[in-house]
C-alpha atoms as a PDB file:
ATOM      1  CA  PHE A   1     -25.156 -64.267  90.116  1.00  0.00           C
ATOM      2  CA  ASP A   2     -21.754 -65.483  88.895  1.00  0.00           C
ATOM      3  CA  ILE A   3     -22.310 -68.585  86.752  1.00  0.00           C
ATOM      4  CA  CYS A   4     -18.579 -69.419  86.576  1.00  0.00           C
ATOM      5  CA  LEU A   5     -18.322 -69.745  90.351  1.00  0.00           C
ATOM      6  CA  LEU A   6     -21.536 -71.780  90.488  1.00  0.00           C
ATOM      7  CA  ILE A   7     -20.320 -74.274  87.880  1.00  0.00           C
ATOM      8  CA  CYS A   8     -16.901 -74.765  89.511  1.00  0.00           C
ATOM      9  CA  THR A   9     -18.295 -75.176  93.017  1.00  0.00           C
ATOM     10  CA  SER A  10     -20.925 -77.603  91.707  1.00  0.00           C
ATOM     11  CA  VAL A  11     -18.250 -79.769  90.060  1.00  0.00           C
ATOM     12  CA  LEU A  12     -16.164 -79.799  93.241  1.00  0.00           C
ATOM     13  CA  SER A  13     -19.160 -80.621  95.451  1.00  0.00           C
ATOM     14  CA  ILE A  14     -20.202 -83.506  93.187  1.00  0.00           C
ATOM     15  CA  MET A  15     -16.663 -84.890  93.427  1.00  0.00           C
ATOM     16  CA  SER A  16     -16.809 -84.543  97.196  1.00  0.00           C
ATOM     17  CA  LEU A  17     -20.078 -86.478  97.405  1.00  0.00           C
ATOM     18  CA  LEU A  18     -18.681 -89.203  95.121  1.00  0.00           C
ATOM     19  CA  LEU A  19     -15.650 -89.402  97.384  1.00  0.00           C
ATOM     20  CA  MET A  20     -17.820 -89.812 100.508  1.00  0.00           C
ATOM     21  CA  PHE A  21     -19.789 -92.541  98.743  1.00  0.00           C
ATOM     22  CA  SER A  22     -16.630 -94.335  97.626  1.00  0.00           C
ATOM     23  CA  ILE A  23     -15.263 -94.612 101.185  1.00  0.00           C
ATOM     24  CA  SER A  24     -18.550 -95.821 102.683  1.00  0.00           C
ATOM     25  CA  ASP A  25     -17.003 -99.280 103.055  1.00  0.00           C
ATOM     26  CA  LYS A  26     -14.664 -97.770 105.652  1.00  0.00           C
ATOM     27  CA  GLU A  27     -16.651 -94.885 107.141  1.00  0.00           C
ATOM     28  CA  GLY A  28     -20.283 -95.813 106.452  1.00  0.00           C
ATOM     29  CA  PHE A  29     -22.901 -93.574 104.836  1.00  0.00           C
ATOM     30  CA  GLY A  30     -23.018 -91.052 107.690  1.00  0.00           C
ATOM     31  CA  LEU A  31     -20.331 -88.912 106.056  1.00  0.00           C
ATOM     32  CA  LEU A  32     -22.203 -88.852 102.747  1.00  0.00           C
ATOM     33  CA  LYS A  33     -25.442 -87.733 104.408  1.00  0.00           C
ATOM     34  CA  MET A  34     -23.731 -85.001 106.431  1.00  0.00           C
ATOM     35  CA  GLN A  35     -21.744 -83.723 103.446  1.00  0.00           C
ATOM     36  CA  ALA A  36     -24.864 -83.664 101.266  1.00  0.00           C
ATOM     37  CA  ALA A  37     -26.762 -81.711 103.924  1.00  0.00           C
ATOM     38  CA  ALA A  38     -23.875 -79.245 104.372  1.00  0.00           C
ATOM     39  CA  THR A  39     -23.581 -78.772 100.600  1.00  0.00           C
ATOM     40  CA  PHE A  40     -27.303 -78.099 100.198  1.00  0.00           C
ATOM     41  CA  ALA A  41     -27.282 -75.649 103.109  1.00  0.00           C
ATOM     42  CA  GLY A  42     -24.133 -74.028 101.706  1.00  0.00           C
ATOM     43  CA  VAL A  43     -25.677 -73.446  98.285  1.00  0.00           C
ATOM     44  CA  CYS A  44     -28.753 -71.895  99.913  1.00  0.00           C
ATOM     45  CA  VAL A  45     -26.562 -69.595 102.027  1.00  0.00           C
ATOM     46  CA  MET A  46     -24.460 -68.659  98.994  1.00  0.00           C
ATOM     47  CA  VAL A  47     -27.514 -67.720  96.927  1.00  0.00           C
ATOM     48  CA  PHE A  48     -28.988 -65.722  99.815  1.00  0.00           C
ATOM     49  CA  LEU A  49     -25.764 -63.801 100.487  1.00  0.00           C
ATOM     50  CA  SER A  50     -25.353 -63.037  96.786  1.00  0.00           C
ATOM     51  CA  MET A  51     -28.552 -60.975  97.014  1.00  0.00           C
ATOM     52  CA  VAL A  52     -27.402 -58.975 100.053  1.00  0.00           C
ATOM     53  CA  ASP A  53     -25.804 -55.541  99.627  1.00  0.00           C
ATOM     54  CA  TYR A  54     -22.335 -56.240 101.013  1.00  0.00           C
ATOM     55  CA  GLN A  55     -21.655 -52.522 101.439  1.00  0.00           C
ATOM     56  CA  GLU A  56     -24.477 -52.240 103.966  1.00  0.00           C
ATOM     57  CA  VAL A  57     -23.106 -55.223 105.870  1.00  0.00           C
ATOM     58  CA  VAL A  58     -19.519 -53.931 105.852  1.00  0.00           C
ATOM     59  CA  ASN A  59     -20.443 -50.419 106.941  1.00  0.00           C
ATOM     60  CA  LYS A  60     -23.068 -51.209 109.576  1.00  0.00           C
ATOM     61  CA  LEU A  61     -22.069 -54.566 111.022  1.00  0.00           C
ATOM     62  CA  TRP A  62     -18.279 -54.635 111.026  1.00  0.00           C
ATOM     63  CA  ILE A  63     -17.968 -53.651 114.698  1.00  0.00           C
ATOM     64  CA  PRO A  64     -20.633 -56.164 115.903  1.00  0.00           C
ATOM     65  CA  PHE A  65     -18.899 -58.788 113.750  1.00  0.00           C
ATOM     66  CA  LEU A  66     -15.538 -57.981 115.347  1.00  0.00           C
ATOM     67  CA  ILE A  67     -16.963 -58.274 118.861  1.00  0.00           C
ATOM     68  CA  ALA A  68     -18.811 -61.476 117.967  1.00  0.00           C
ATOM     69  CA  GLU A  69     -15.791 -63.215 116.426  1.00  0.00           C
ATOM     70  CA  ILE A  70     -13.550 -62.442 119.407  1.00  0.00           C
ATOM     71  CA  GLY A  71     -16.289 -63.580 121.783  1.00  0.00           C
ATOM     72  CA  LEU A  72     -16.954 -66.799 119.865  1.00  0.00           C
ATOM     73  CA  LEU A  73     -13.283 -67.759 119.731  1.00  0.00           C
ATOM     74  CA  GLY A  74     -12.956 -66.926 123.440  1.00  0.00           C
ATOM     75  CA  ILE A  75     -15.924 -69.158 124.286  1.00  0.00           C
ATOM     76  CA  THR A  76     -14.408 -71.943 122.200  1.00  0.00           C
ATOM     77  CA  LEU A  77     -11.119 -71.578 124.063  1.00  0.00           C
ATOM     78  CA  ILE A  78     -12.905 -71.963 127.404  1.00  0.00           C
ATOM     79  CA  TYR A  79     -15.700 -74.421 126.646  1.00  0.00           C
ATOM     80  CA  GLY A  80     -14.453 -76.021 123.437  1.00  0.00           C
ATOM     81  CA  VAL A  81     -14.158 -79.738 122.846  1.00  0.00           C
ATOM     82  CA  ALA A  82     -10.696 -81.094 122.110  1.00  0.00           C
ATOM     83  CA  GLU A  83     -10.024 -83.151 119.003  1.00  0.00           C
ATOM     84  CA  GLY A  84      -6.508 -84.494 119.237  1.00  0.00           C
ATOM     85  CA  THR A  85      -4.341 -81.558 120.285  1.00  0.00           C
ATOM     86  CA  ASN A  86      -6.804 -78.889 119.104  1.00  0.00           C
ATOM     87  CA  GLN A  87      -9.496 -77.415 121.328  1.00  0.00           C
ATOM     88  CA  SER A  88     -11.308 -75.812 118.424  1.00  0.00           C
ATOM     89  CA  TRP A  89     -14.765 -77.366 118.437  1.00  0.00           C
ATOM     90  CA  LEU A  90     -18.048 -76.447 120.135  1.00  0.00           C
ATOM     91  CA  LYS A  91     -20.643 -79.123 120.886  1.00  0.00           C
ATOM     92  CA  ILE A  92     -24.216 -77.904 120.467  1.00  0.00           C
ATOM     93  CA  GLY A  93     -26.482 -80.828 121.233  1.00  0.00           C
ATOM     94  CA  PRO A  94     -25.482 -83.655 118.882  1.00  0.00           C
ATOM     95  CA  ILE A  95     -23.737 -81.266 116.477  1.00  0.00           C
ATOM     96  CA  TYR A  96     -20.068 -80.268 116.501  1.00  0.00           C
ATOM     97  CA  ILE A  97     -19.104 -76.975 114.862  1.00  0.00           C
ATOM     98  CA  GLN A  98     -15.705 -75.394 114.280  1.00  0.00           C
ATOM     99  CA  PRO A  99     -16.158 -71.661 115.010  1.00  0.00           C
ATOM    100  CA  SER A 100     -12.837 -70.655 113.430  1.00  0.00           C
ATOM    101  CA  GLU A 101     -14.213 -71.705 110.023  1.00  0.00           C
ATOM    102  CA  PHE A 102     -17.191 -69.332 110.292  1.00  0.00           C
ATOM    103  CA  VAL A 103     -15.133 -66.571 111.889  1.00  0.00           C
ATOM    104  CA  LYS A 104     -13.078 -66.630 108.693  1.00  0.00           C
ATOM    105  CA  GLY A 105     -15.930 -64.879 106.878  1.00  0.00           C
ATOM    106  CA  THR A 106     -16.582 -62.241 109.533  1.00  0.00           C
ATOM    107  CA  PHE A 107     -12.847 -61.619 109.913  1.00  0.00           C
ATOM    108  CA  ILE A 108     -12.485 -60.938 106.179  1.00  0.00           C
ATOM    109  CA  VAL A 109     -15.409 -58.489 106.426  1.00  0.00           C
ATOM    110  CA  THR A 110     -14.003 -56.624 109.441  1.00  0.00           C
ATOM    111  CA  PHE A 111     -10.424 -56.568 108.148  1.00  0.00           C
ATOM    112  CA  SER A 112     -11.648 -55.331 104.753  1.00  0.00           C
ATOM    113  CA  LYS A 113     -13.419 -52.428 106.434  1.00  0.00           C
ATOM    114  CA  HIS A 114     -10.369 -51.674 108.580  1.00  0.00           C
ATOM    115  CA  LEU A 115      -8.129 -51.631 105.501  1.00  0.00           C
ATOM    116  CA  ASP A 116     -10.570 -49.392 103.669  1.00  0.00           C
ATOM    117  CA  MET A 117     -10.457 -46.907 106.549  1.00  0.00           C
ATOM    118  CA  VAL A 118      -6.647 -46.644 106.627  1.00  0.00           C
ATOM    119  CA  LYS A 119      -5.747 -47.390 102.974  1.00  0.00           C
ATOM    120  CA  HIS A 120      -4.349 -43.893 102.321  1.00  0.00           C
ATOM    121  CA  ARG A 121      -1.986 -44.088 105.305  1.00  0.00           C
ATOM    122  CA  ILE A 122      -1.446 -47.840 105.479  1.00  0.00           C
ATOM    123  CA  ASN A 123       2.349 -47.474 105.685  1.00  0.00           C
ATOM    124  CA  HIS A 124       2.130 -45.236 108.733  1.00  0.00           C
ATOM    125  CA  PRO A 125       3.281 -47.136 111.865  1.00  0.00           C
ATOM    126  CA  VAL A 126       0.130 -46.212 113.830  1.00  0.00           C
ATOM    127  CA  SER A 127      -2.157 -47.560 111.095  1.00  0.00           C
ATOM    128  CA  LEU A 128      -0.110 -50.730 110.799  1.00  0.00           C
ATOM    129  CA  LEU A 129      -0.150 -51.181 114.584  1.00  0.00           C
ATOM    130  CA  GLY A 130      -3.944 -51.021 114.597  1.00  0.00           C
ATOM    131  CA  LEU A 131      -4.161 -53.596 111.795  1.00  0.00           C
ATOM    132  CA  GLY A 132      -1.663 -55.792 113.663  1.00  0.00           C
ATOM    133  CA  VAL A 133      -3.744 -55.700 116.845  1.00  0.00           C
ATOM    134  CA  HIS A 134      -6.890 -56.499 114.848  1.00  0.00           C
ATOM    135  CA  ALA A 135      -5.357 -59.523 113.123  1.00  0.00           C
ATOM    136  CA  GLY A 136      -3.223 -60.570 116.090  1.00  0.00           C
ATOM    137  CA  ALA A 137      -6.216 -60.832 118.432  1.00  0.00           C
ATOM    138  CA  ILE A 138      -7.980 -63.312 116.148  1.00  0.00           C
ATOM    139  CA  ILE A 139      -4.915 -65.327 115.138  1.00  0.00           C
ATOM    140  CA  GLY A 140      -3.687 -65.400 118.747  1.00  0.00           C
ATOM    141  CA  LEU A 141      -6.959 -66.905 119.999  1.00  0.00           C
ATOM    142  CA  ILE A 142      -6.812 -69.575 117.283  1.00  0.00           C
ATOM    143  CA  LEU A 143      -3.191 -70.404 118.153  1.00  0.00           C
ATOM    144  CA  LEU A 144      -4.144 -70.729 121.831  1.00  0.00           C
ATOM    145  CA  SER A 145      -6.662 -73.382 120.828  1.00  0.00           C
ATOM    146  CA  GLY A 146      -3.814 -75.324 119.187  1.00  0.00           C
ATOM    147  CA  ASP A 147      -5.130 -75.122 115.613  1.00  0.00           C
ATOM    148  CA  LEU A 148      -1.946 -74.212 113.734  1.00  0.00           C
ATOM    149  CA  GLY A 149      -3.361 -75.103 110.320  1.00  0.00           C
ATOM    150  CA  VAL A 150      -6.268 -72.656 110.510  1.00  0.00           C
ATOM    151  CA  ALA A 151      -4.004 -69.986 112.037  1.00  0.00           C
ATOM    152  CA  LEU A 152      -1.712 -70.229 108.994  1.00  0.00           C
ATOM    153  CA  VAL A 153      -4.715 -69.706 106.719  1.00  0.00           C
ATOM    154  CA  TYR A 154      -5.542 -66.495 108.603  1.00  0.00           C
ATOM    155  CA  CYS A 155      -1.903 -65.374 108.296  1.00  0.00           C
ATOM    156  CA  GLY A 156      -2.087 -65.918 104.539  1.00  0.00           C
ATOM    157  CA  ILE A 157      -5.322 -63.938 104.337  1.00  0.00           C
ATOM    158  CA  VAL A 158      -3.823 -61.021 106.257  1.00  0.00           C
ATOM    159  CA  ALA A 159      -0.578 -61.015 104.262  1.00  0.00           C
ATOM    160  CA  LEU A 160      -2.241 -60.986 100.838  1.00  0.00           C
ATOM    161  CA  MET A 161      -4.826 -58.377 101.855  1.00  0.00           C
ATOM    162  CA  LEU A 162      -2.084 -56.095 103.210  1.00  0.00           C
ATOM    163  CA  PHE A 163       0.016 -56.569 100.075  1.00  0.00           C
ATOM    164  CA  CYS A 164      -2.888 -55.725  97.768  1.00  0.00           C
ATOM    165  CA  ALA A 165      -3.783 -52.741  99.943  1.00  0.00           C
ATOM    166  CA  GLY A 166      -0.360 -51.260  99.211  1.00  0.00           C
ATOM    167  CA  LEU A 167       1.723 -52.115 102.271  1.00  0.00           C
ATOM    168  CA  SER A 168       5.411 -51.447 101.584  1.00  0.00           C
ATOM    169  CA  LEU A 169       7.586 -54.445 100.805  1.00  0.00           C
ATOM    170  CA  PHE A 170      10.036 -53.213 103.447  1.00  0.00           C
ATOM    171  CA  TYR A 171       7.505 -54.194 106.115  1.00  0.00           C
ATOM    172  CA  PHE A 172       7.256 -57.703 104.680  1.00  0.00           C
ATOM    173  CA  LEU A 173      11.050 -57.918 104.533  1.00  0.00           C
ATOM    174  CA  GLY A 174      11.292 -56.717 108.131  1.00  0.00           C
ATOM    175  CA  ALA A 175       8.695 -59.251 109.262  1.00  0.00           C
ATOM    176  CA  GLY A 176      10.642 -62.019 107.513  1.00  0.00           C
ATOM    177  CA  VAL A 177      13.916 -61.008 109.169  1.00  0.00           C
ATOM    178  CA  ALA A 178      12.224 -60.757 112.573  1.00  0.00           C
ATOM    179  CA  ALA A 179      10.694 -64.205 112.161  1.00  0.00           C
ATOM    180  CA  PHE A 180      14.056 -65.666 111.143  1.00  0.00           C
ATOM    181  CA  VAL A 181      15.742 -64.177 114.206  1.00  0.00           C
ATOM    182  CA  ALA A 182      12.930 -65.302 116.527  1.00  0.00           C
ATOM    183  CA  ILE A 183      12.847 -68.944 115.378  1.00  0.00           C
ATOM    184  CA  PRO A 184      15.666 -70.208 117.660  1.00  0.00           C
ATOM    185  CA  TYR A 185      14.025 -68.576 120.695  1.00  0.00           C
ATOM    186  CA  ALA A 186      10.492 -69.723 119.801  1.00  0.00           C
ATOM    187  CA  TRP A 187      11.697 -73.292 119.270  1.00  0.00           C
ATOM    188  CA  ASP A 188      12.263 -73.789 122.997  1.00  0.00           C
ATOM    189  CA  PHE A 189       8.615 -72.970 123.718  1.00  0.00           C
ATOM    190  CA  LEU A 190       7.255 -75.645 121.370  1.00  0.00           C
ATOM    191  CA  LYS A 191       6.068 -78.967 122.737  1.00  0.00           C
ATOM    192  CA  GLU A 192       7.871 -82.133 121.717  1.00  0.00           C
ATOM    193  CA  TYR A 193       5.117 -83.315 119.346  1.00  0.00           C
ATOM    194  CA  GLN A 194       5.113 -79.908 117.657  1.00  0.00           C
ATOM    195  CA  LYS A 195       8.872 -80.075 117.109  1.00  0.00           C
ATOM    196  CA  LYS A 196       8.564 -83.545 115.583  1.00  0.00           C
ATOM    197  CA  ARG A 197       5.741 -82.405 113.349  1.00  0.00           C
ATOM    198  CA  ILE A 198       7.928 -79.637 111.931  1.00  0.00           C
ATOM    199  CA  ILE A 199      11.173 -81.607 111.654  1.00  0.00           C
ATOM    200  CA  TYR A 200       9.653 -84.687 110.054  1.00  0.00           C
ATOM    201  CA  GLY A 201       6.935 -82.756 108.231  1.00  0.00           C
ATOM    202  CA  PHE A 202       9.435 -81.630 105.612  1.00  0.00           C
ATOM    203  CA  ASN A 203      11.347 -84.927 105.718  1.00  0.00           C
ATOM    204  CA  PRO A 204       8.893 -87.734 106.599  1.00  0.00           C
ATOM    205  CA  GLU A 205      11.318 -90.387 105.351  1.00  0.00           C
ATOM    206  CA  ALA A 206      13.449 -89.705 108.444  1.00  0.00           C
ATOM    207  CA  ASP A 207      10.696 -91.104 110.703  1.00  0.00           C
ATOM    208  CA  PRO A 208       8.604 -93.388 108.479  1.00  0.00           C
ATOM    209  CA  GLU A 209       7.192 -95.497 111.316  1.00  0.00           C
ATOM    210  CA  ASP A 210       5.843 -92.677 113.462  1.00  0.00           C
ATOM    211  CA  THR A 211       5.526 -88.965 112.668  1.00  0.00           C
ATOM    212  CA  GLY A 212       6.070 -89.347 108.925  1.00  0.00           C
ATOM    213  CA  TYR A 213       3.872 -92.432 108.513  1.00  0.00           C
ATOM    214  CA  GLN A 214       0.593 -90.747 107.550  1.00  0.00           C
ATOM    215  CA  ALA A 215       2.261 -88.337 105.120  1.00  0.00           C
ATOM    216  CA  LEU A 216       4.087 -91.146 103.331  1.00  0.00           C
ATOM    217  CA  LEU A 217       0.936 -93.286 103.250  1.00  0.00           C
ATOM    218  CA  GLY A 218      -0.994 -90.372 101.778  1.00  0.00           C
ATOM    219  CA  ARG A 219       1.614 -89.976  99.055  1.00  0.00           C
ATOM    220  CA  ASP A 220       1.511 -93.723  98.331  1.00  0.00           C
ATOM    221  CA  ALA A 221      -2.278 -93.599  98.077  1.00  0.00           C
ATOM    222  CA  LEU A 222      -2.066 -90.725  95.601  1.00  0.00           C
ATOM    223  CA  ALA A 223       0.523 -92.570  93.506  1.00  0.00           C
ATOM    224  CA  ASN A 224      -1.414 -95.855  93.632  1.00  0.00           C
ATOM    225  CA  GLY A 225      -4.289 -94.286  91.717  1.00  0.00           C
ATOM    226  CA  GLY A 226      -2.225 -93.737  88.592  1.00  0.00           C
ATOM    227  CA  PHE A 227      -3.783 -91.470  86.002  1.00  0.00           C
ATOM    228  CA  PHE A 228      -7.292 -92.939  85.895  1.00  0.00           C
ATOM    229  CA  GLY A 229      -7.597 -94.341  89.425  1.00  0.00           C
ATOM    230  CA  GLN A 230      -8.526 -97.670  90.993  1.00  0.00           C
ATOM    231  CA  GLY A 231     -12.270 -97.087  90.657  1.00  0.00           C
ATOM    232  CA  ILE A 232     -15.033 -96.111  93.043  1.00  0.00           C
ATOM    233  CA  ASN A 233     -14.726 -99.436  94.888  1.00  0.00           C
ATOM    234  CA  GLY A 234     -10.983 -99.802  94.421  1.00  0.00           C
ATOM    235  CA  GLY A 235      -7.900 -98.736  96.300  1.00  0.00           C
ATOM    236  CA  THR A 236      -6.338-100.007  99.510  1.00  0.00           C
ATOM    237  CA  TYR A 237      -3.972 -97.369 100.884  1.00  0.00           C
ATOM    238  CA  TYR A 238      -6.757 -94.951 101.868  1.00  0.00           C
ATOM    239  CA  LYS A 239      -8.046 -97.472 104.416  1.00  0.00           C
ATOM    240  CA  GLY A 240      -4.927 -96.919 106.509  1.00  0.00           C
ATOM    241  CA  LEU A 241      -5.170 -93.130 106.477  1.00  0.00           C
ATOM    242  CA  PHE A 242      -6.340 -91.613 109.742  1.00  0.00           C
ATOM    243  CA  ALA A 243      -8.414 -88.908 108.009  1.00  0.00           C
ATOM    244  CA  CYS A 244      -8.938 -90.175 104.465  1.00  0.00           C
ATOM    245  CA  GLU A 245     -12.111 -88.106 104.173  1.00  0.00           C
ATOM    246  CA  ASN A 246     -10.668 -84.907 105.559  1.00  0.00           C
ATOM    247  CA  ASP A 247      -6.956 -84.050 105.778  1.00  0.00           C
ATOM    248  CA  PHE A 248      -6.054 -86.635 103.129  1.00  0.00           C
ATOM    249  CA  ALA A 249      -9.119 -86.241 100.936  1.00  0.00           C
ATOM    250  CA  PHE A 250      -6.927 -85.331  97.952  1.00  0.00           C
ATOM    251  CA  SER A 251      -4.882 -88.532  98.355  1.00  0.00           C
ATOM    252  CA  THR A 252      -8.033 -90.643  98.612  1.00  0.00           C
ATOM    253  CA  LEU A 253      -9.623 -88.894  95.633  1.00  0.00           C
ATOM    254  CA  CYS A 254      -6.545 -89.525  93.484  1.00  0.00           C
ATOM    255  CA  GLU A 255      -6.350 -93.184  94.510  1.00  0.00           C
ATOM    256  CA  LYS A 256     -10.022 -93.711  93.710  1.00  0.00           C
ATOM    257  CA  PHE A 257     -10.401 -91.582  90.590  1.00  0.00           C
ATOM    258  CA  GLY A 258      -6.836 -90.954  89.461  1.00  0.00           C
ATOM    259  CA  LEU A 259      -4.510 -88.039  88.905  1.00  0.00           C
ATOM    260  CA  ALA A 260      -6.841 -86.868  86.117  1.00  0.00           C
ATOM    261  CA  CYS A 261      -9.526 -86.161  88.712  1.00  0.00           C
ATOM    262  CA  GLY A 262      -6.978 -84.519  91.010  1.00  0.00           C
ATOM    263  CA  ILE A 263      -5.891 -82.198  88.186  1.00  0.00           C
ATOM    264  CA  LEU A 264      -9.534 -81.339  87.486  1.00  0.00           C
ATOM    265  CA  VAL A 265     -10.003 -80.370  91.149  1.00  0.00           C
ATOM    266  CA  LEU A 266      -6.965 -78.091  91.048  1.00  0.00           C
ATOM    267  CA  ILE A 267      -8.126 -76.533  87.777  1.00  0.00           C
ATOM    268  CA  CYS A 268     -11.565 -75.773  89.252  1.00  0.00           C
ATOM    269  CA  LEU A 269     -10.010 -74.234  92.350  1.00  0.00           C
ATOM    270  CA  ALA A 270      -7.633 -72.180  90.185  1.00  0.00           C
ATOM    271  CA  ILE A 271     -10.549 -70.914  88.065  1.00  0.00           C
ATOM    272  CA  ILE A 272     -12.414 -69.916  91.237  1.00  0.00           C
ATOM    273  CA  VAL A 273      -9.397 -67.975  92.518  1.00  0.00           C
ATOM    274  CA  ILE A 274      -8.823 -66.237  89.157  1.00  0.00           C
ATOM    275  CA  ARG A 275     -12.496 -65.356  88.892  1.00  0.00           C
ATOM    276  CA  VAL A 276     -12.535 -63.948  92.436  1.00  0.00           C
ATOM    277  CA  PHE A 277      -9.516 -61.755  91.622  1.00  0.00           C
ATOM    278  CA  MET A 278     -11.302 -60.562  88.466  1.00  0.00           C
ATOM    279  CA  ILE A 279     -14.335 -59.612  90.562  1.00  0.00           C
ATOM    280  CA  ALA A 280     -12.020 -57.791  92.987  1.00  0.00           C
ATOM    281  CA  ARG A 281     -10.630 -55.677  90.104  1.00  0.00           C
ATOM    282  CA  THR A 282     -14.109 -54.580  89.029  1.00  0.00           C
ATOM    283  CA  SER A 283     -15.538 -54.054  92.511  1.00  0.00           C
ATOM    284  CA  ARG A 284     -17.261 -50.699  93.047  1.00  0.00           C
ATOM    285  CA  LYS A 285     -15.610 -50.103  96.423  1.00  0.00           C
ATOM    286  CA  ASP A 286     -12.163 -50.871  97.806  1.00  0.00           C
ATOM    287  CA  SER A 287     -13.745 -52.695 100.754  1.00  0.00           C
ATOM    288  CA  GLY A 288     -15.375 -55.081  98.266  1.00  0.00           C
ATOM    289  CA  ALA A 289     -12.060 -55.638  96.506  1.00  0.00           C
ATOM    290  CA  PHE A 290     -10.317 -56.360  99.809  1.00  0.00           C
ATOM    291  CA  LEU A 291     -13.104 -58.790 100.710  1.00  0.00           C
ATOM    292  CA  CYS A 292     -12.611 -60.717  97.455  1.00  0.00           C
ATOM    293  CA  ILE A 293      -8.840 -60.809  97.968  1.00  0.00           C
ATOM    294  CA  GLY A 294      -9.308 -62.278 101.447  1.00  0.00           C
ATOM    295  CA  VAL A 295     -11.533 -65.049 100.087  1.00  0.00           C
ATOM    296  CA  ALA A 296      -9.072 -65.862  97.294  1.00  0.00           C
ATOM    297  CA  ALA A 297      -6.223 -65.978  99.811  1.00  0.00           C
ATOM    298  CA  ALA A 298      -8.135 -68.437 102.014  1.00  0.00           C
ATOM    299  CA  ILE A 299      -8.695 -70.804  99.080  1.00  0.00           C
ATOM    300  CA  VAL A 300      -5.085 -70.562  97.873  1.00  0.00           C
ATOM    301  CA  VAL A 301      -3.483 -71.150 101.287  1.00  0.00           C
ATOM    302  CA  GLN A 302      -5.790 -74.046 102.200  1.00  0.00           C
ATOM    303  CA  THR A 303      -5.211 -75.729  98.841  1.00  0.00           C
ATOM    304  CA  ILE A 304      -1.423 -75.408  99.052  1.00  0.00           C
ATOM    305  CA  GLU A 305      -1.344 -76.686 102.630  1.00  0.00           C
ATOM    306  CA  ASN A 306      -3.641 -79.642 101.983  1.00  0.00           C
ATOM    307  CA  VAL A 307      -2.094 -80.800  98.702  1.00  0.00           C
ATOM    308  CA  GLY A 308       1.370 -80.282 100.196  1.00  0.00           C
ATOM    309  CA  MET A 309       0.484 -82.627 103.055  1.00  0.00           C
ATOM    310  CA  CYS A 310      -0.838 -85.262 100.652  1.00  0.00           C
ATOM    311  CA  LEU A 311       2.401 -85.080  98.638  1.00  0.00           C
ATOM    312  CA  ALA A 312       4.457 -85.434 101.859  1.00  0.00           C
ATOM    313  CA  MET A 313       6.072 -82.069 101.149  1.00  0.00           C
ATOM    314  CA  LEU A 314       4.539 -80.073 104.016  1.00  0.00           C
ATOM    315  CA  PRO A 315       3.849 -80.939 107.681  1.00  0.00           C
ATOM    316  CA  VAL A 316       0.540 -82.628 108.457  1.00  0.00           C
ATOM    317  CA  ILE A 317      -1.226 -79.881 110.399  1.00  0.00           C
ATOM    318  CA  GLY A 318      -4.867 -80.692 109.757  1.00  0.00           C
ATOM    319  CA  ILE A 319      -6.458 -78.511 107.090  1.00  0.00           C
ATOM    320  CA  THR A 320      -9.293 -79.173 104.660  1.00  0.00           C
ATOM    321  CA  LEU A 321      -9.235 -79.023 100.868  1.00  0.00           C
ATOM    322  CA  PRO A 322     -11.910 -76.454  99.879  1.00  0.00           C
ATOM    323  CA  PHE A 323     -15.224 -78.022  98.791  1.00  0.00           C
ATOM    324  CA  ILE A 324     -13.692 -81.525  98.676  1.00  0.00           C
ATOM    325  CA  SER A 325     -12.845 -82.533 102.247  1.00  0.00           C
ATOM    326  CA  TYR A 326     -15.547 -83.768 104.579  1.00  0.00           C
ATOM    327  CA  GLY A 327     -16.773 -81.312 107.179  1.00  0.00           C
ATOM    328  CA  GLY A 328     -20.020 -79.447 107.682  1.00  0.00           C
ATOM    329  CA  SER A 329     -18.306 -76.376 109.110  1.00  0.00           C
ATOM    330  CA  SER A 330     -15.647 -76.085 106.394  1.00  0.00           C
ATOM    331  CA  THR A 331     -18.074 -76.771 103.515  1.00  0.00           C
ATOM    332  CA  LEU A 332     -20.689 -74.312 104.772  1.00  0.00           C
ATOM    333  CA  ALA A 333     -18.022 -71.683 105.493  1.00  0.00           C
ATOM    334  CA  MET A 334     -16.582 -71.949 101.974  1.00  0.00           C
ATOM    335  CA  TYR A 335     -19.983 -71.431 100.380  1.00  0.00           C
ATOM    336  CA  LEU A 336     -20.522 -68.507 102.735  1.00  0.00           C
ATOM    337  CA  LEU A 337     -17.285 -66.907 101.522  1.00  0.00           C
ATOM    338  CA  LEU A 338     -18.228 -67.293  97.857  1.00  0.00           C
ATOM    339  CA  GLY A 339     -21.692 -65.927  98.618  1.00  0.00           C
ATOM    340  CA  MET A 340     -20.032 -62.739  99.829  1.00  0.00           C
ATOM    341  CA  VAL A 341     -17.956 -62.576  96.650  1.00  0.00           C
END
């Protein structure tokens, strides 16, 4: 078992629990109890998965996993519960789960196996078409549910895995040119709230009373903490944040415990990513290396998106900060990913 990963995830989870406790005056103790339960379950799952032969799972279960993930996302699209503009939740009794978080793990497994099968001819158009259909089916279903933030994480996973598998840079250049050309045409298909989210996401000061309000408040909360923070019972800006425990967990953490704590979080996440890449380099099989790269990509993209939102530099699209933000599905899914690593 990798002690480095265990130490870093433990530090991050303790910070998360302290954060949930510190905002109990606003949210109550329900968040703390749920996060503690998800963390405990996540650690158990991580330890269990670390003892499983991943090669057996990749070779024997990748097709059932692929069928299951498409089916689960399809069920969510039909019977899912809407939260805001996203229909990405399933209600099972009193519990709400976000299937796209758990599909992240199975998708990395299936895409790793697919890459391993075509790695020697990855630049052939037929091979690339098959990979595109594989990734496009999953990302398309997530986009149909309205969850742009999670879809971008999947895009980051796919891009980094393809790059490390040896896909020619000309394909990436071509994809960038195609996206640039398609933007004016795709813009007309976006809804009004989506257009505002993009326009004012990169310039929230242009609409400080409406679309840019939460982003600017999150940045003010982060700045209000200074270097050492306002204390576990201190801070005021976080109380006005719509999702202080989730999307703006980094802002709330910095207001409560200071920039020093925020830097420590980023250092721990960076160590996790570096360690995962190191494990990828020493993996016995290419499928294992691809799996590690997919996990590292998920952590990197989610961290950049979340911290970017809290700094009012990126659009607020609803994404969690790994191991810190509240959420049973996201916390359990992250531990599941590291268990595979």
